[in-house]
Amino acid sequence: FAENNAEVLYHGTGEKSAQSILRQGFKTGAELGKGEKTTLISLGTKERAIGIGGRGEKATTQLPIPIKGLKLLEVKAGEIYPSSVEKYTKLMNEGGYDGIRVIDDIYEGTGKTSEVLLKKEVATSQLTDFWKNAQPKTVTKNQ
């Protein structure tokens, strides 16, 4: 479980899928017909990312996604699971949110973030920006 002020969470996936995500961006479970078939991208701590990712491929890779500054709709896990994800996705879209912060109230009752569900375009943009900023800058010398 992540602290509610966590700045970076992770998307767990297999190595081949991670390479595809880095090249082409995220695809949702609904688009791929896999997993929960939602239109959102799941994020968690490094440890939880392994458990909530993969969709049939062993989740061996954790892609870092910065969430600081995103507008997130807060929902208790007991309210959103198992059957209300689409209801809250609609509220998220209508309210102009970037995603949903799922607060643990049923698993361990910690009150911490159990996962964050982002719109795929937000997850892709955040990942792309993160990698651009992480790349070393090449300095060329003018001759």
Protein backbone atom coordinates (compact mmCIF):
# COMPACT_ATOMS: atom_id res chain seq x y z
CA PHE A 1 0.00 0.00 0.00
CA ALA A 2 1.29 3.45 -0.91
CA GLU A 3 1.20 6.57 1.18
CA ASN A 4 -1.53 8.90 -0.05
CA ASN A 5 1.11 11.50 -0.96
CA ALA A 6 3.23 9.10 -3.08
CA GLU A 7 4.77 10.89 -6.08
CA VAL A 8 5.50 7.84 -8.26
CA LEU A 9 3.61 4.55 -8.59
CA TYR A 10 4.26 1.63 -10.93
CA HIS A 11 2.51 -0.35 -13.63
CA GLY A 12 3.44 -4.03 -13.53
CA THR A 13 3.72 -5.86 -16.83
CA GLY A 14 5.78 -8.40 -18.75
CA GLU A 15 8.98 -7.45 -20.52
CA LYS A 16 7.51 -7.67 -24.07
CA SER A 17 4.48 -5.60 -23.07
CA ALA A 18 6.73 -3.02 -21.36
CA GLN A 19 8.68 -2.59 -24.60
CA SER A 20 5.41 -2.17 -26.53
CA ILE A 21 4.10 0.38 -23.99
CA LEU A 22 7.30 2.41 -24.26
CA ARG A 23 7.05 2.44 -28.07
CA GLN A 24 3.28 2.81 -28.59
CA GLY A 25 1.73 3.84 -25.27
CA PHE A 26 -0.69 1.97 -23.06
CA LYS A 27 -3.61 -0.15 -24.24
CA THR A 28 -6.43 -0.90 -21.83
CA GLY A 29 -7.84 -4.24 -20.78
CA ALA A 30 -11.02 -3.29 -22.65
CA GLU A 31 -9.03 -2.77 -25.88
CA LEU A 32 -7.09 -6.01 -25.45
CA GLY A 33 -9.98 -8.08 -24.08
CA LYS A 34 -7.82 -9.06 -21.11
CA GLY A 35 -7.79 -8.69 -17.34
CA GLU A 36 -10.64 -6.70 -15.84
CA LYS A 37 -11.48 -5.25 -19.28
CA THR A 38 -11.67 -1.71 -17.89
CA THR A 39 -10.70 1.45 -19.74
CA LEU A 40 -8.17 2.44 -17.05
CA ILE A 41 -4.50 1.66 -16.32
CA SER A 42 -3.71 0.21 -12.86
CA LEU A 43 -0.78 1.48 -10.78
CA GLY A 44 0.52 0.49 -7.36
CA THR A 45 3.68 0.31 -5.30
CA LYS A 46 6.54 -1.70 -6.82
CA GLU A 47 5.43 -4.72 -4.80
CA ARG A 48 1.75 -4.39 -5.70
CA ALA A 49 2.51 -3.65 -9.36
CA ILE A 50 3.69 -7.22 -9.77
CA GLY A 51 0.37 -8.48 -8.40
CA ILE A 52 -1.96 -6.20 -10.37
CA GLY A 53 -0.24 -6.30 -13.75
CA GLY A 54 0.69 -8.82 -16.37
CA ARG A 55 -2.57 -9.87 -18.03
CA GLY A 56 -1.43 -13.40 -18.79
CA GLU A 57 2.25 -12.49 -19.08
CA LYS A 58 4.42 -12.78 -15.96
CA ALA A 59 4.66 -9.25 -14.55
CA THR A 60 8.43 -8.89 -14.22
CA THR A 61 8.75 -5.20 -15.10
CA GLN A 62 7.55 -2.14 -13.19
CA LEU A 63 7.12 1.02 -15.26
CA PRO A 64 7.35 4.20 -13.10
CA ILE A 65 4.46 6.64 -13.52
CA PRO A 66 4.63 10.02 -11.73
CA ILE A 67 1.28 10.92 -10.17
CA LYS A 68 2.23 14.11 -8.33
CA GLY A 69 -0.01 16.97 -9.40
CA LEU A 70 -2.64 14.78 -11.06
CA LYS A 71 -6.29 15.42 -10.26
CA LEU A 72 -7.52 12.13 -8.75
CA LEU A 73 -11.03 11.20 -7.65
CA GLU A 74 -10.76 9.45 -4.27
CA VAL A 75 -12.91 6.34 -3.85
CA LYS A 76 -12.90 3.68 -1.13
CA ALA A 77 -12.02 0.19 -2.37
CA GLY A 78 -15.23 -1.20 -0.88
CA GLU A 79 -17.29 1.19 -3.02
CA ILE A 80 -15.53 0.66 -6.36
CA TYR A 81 -14.91 -3.11 -6.34
CA PRO A 82 -15.97 -5.41 -7.73
CA SER A 83 -18.74 -3.99 -9.89
CA SER A 84 -18.65 -0.18 -9.81
CA VAL A 85 -15.49 0.65 -11.77
CA GLU A 86 -17.45 1.93 -14.79
CA LYS A 87 -19.72 4.07 -12.55
CA TYR A 88 -16.67 5.78 -11.06
CA THR A 89 -14.98 6.03 -14.46
CA LYS A 90 -18.00 8.05 -15.61
CA LEU A 91 -17.80 10.31 -12.53
CA MET A 92 -14.06 10.72 -13.14
CA ASN A 93 -14.64 11.78 -16.74
CA GLU A 94 -17.51 14.13 -15.88
CA GLY A 95 -15.45 15.79 -13.14
CA GLY A 96 -12.38 16.34 -15.31
CA TYR A 97 -10.20 14.00 -13.24
CA ASP A 98 -7.05 12.29 -14.54
CA GLY A 99 -7.81 9.10 -12.67
CA ILE A 100 -9.08 7.41 -9.52
CA ARG A 101 -7.17 6.95 -6.25
CA VAL A 102 -8.51 3.78 -4.61
CA ILE A 103 -8.25 4.05 -0.82
CA ASP A 104 -7.96 0.80 1.17
CA ASP A 105 -10.92 0.31 3.48
CA ILE A 106 -11.57 -3.40 3.09
CA TYR A 107 -8.33 -5.34 2.60
CA GLU A 108 -6.13 -4.29 5.49
CA GLY A 109 -8.14 -1.21 6.43
CA THR A 110 -5.05 1.00 6.26
CA GLY A 111 -6.66 4.06 4.68
CA LYS A 112 -3.68 4.22 2.32
CA THR A 113 -3.77 4.16 -1.46
CA SER A 114 -4.27 0.57 -2.60
CA GLU A 115 -3.96 1.51 -6.26
CA VAL A 116 -4.43 4.35 -8.73
CA LEU A 117 -6.40 3.90 -11.95
CA LEU A 118 -5.43 6.38 -14.69
CA LYS A 119 -6.88 7.26 -18.06
CA LYS A 120 -4.64 5.59 -20.63
CA GLU A 121 -3.66 8.88 -22.28
CA VAL A 122 -2.65 10.34 -18.90
CA ALA A 123 -0.63 7.21 -18.00
CA THR A 124 1.10 7.29 -21.40
CA SER A 125 1.87 11.01 -21.15
CA GLN A 126 3.22 10.71 -17.60
CA LEU A 127 5.41 7.74 -18.57
CA THR A 128 6.71 9.50 -21.70
CA ASP A 129 7.54 12.68 -19.75
CA PHE A 130 9.26 10.63 -17.02
CA TRP A 131 11.50 8.84 -19.54
CA LYS A 132 12.34 12.04 -21.43
CA ASN A 133 13.43 13.67 -18.17
CA ALA A 134 15.39 10.56 -17.10
CA GLN A 135 17.49 10.41 -20.28
CA PRO A 136 20.96 11.93 -19.99
CA LYS A 137 21.38 15.08 -22.02
CA THR A 138 23.94 14.83 -24.80
CA VAL A 139 26.26 17.80 -25.00
CA THR A 140 27.73 18.51 -28.42
CA LYS A 141 30.76 20.69 -28.79
CA ASN A 142 30.71 23.33 -31.49
CA GLN A 143 33.91 23.27 -33.49
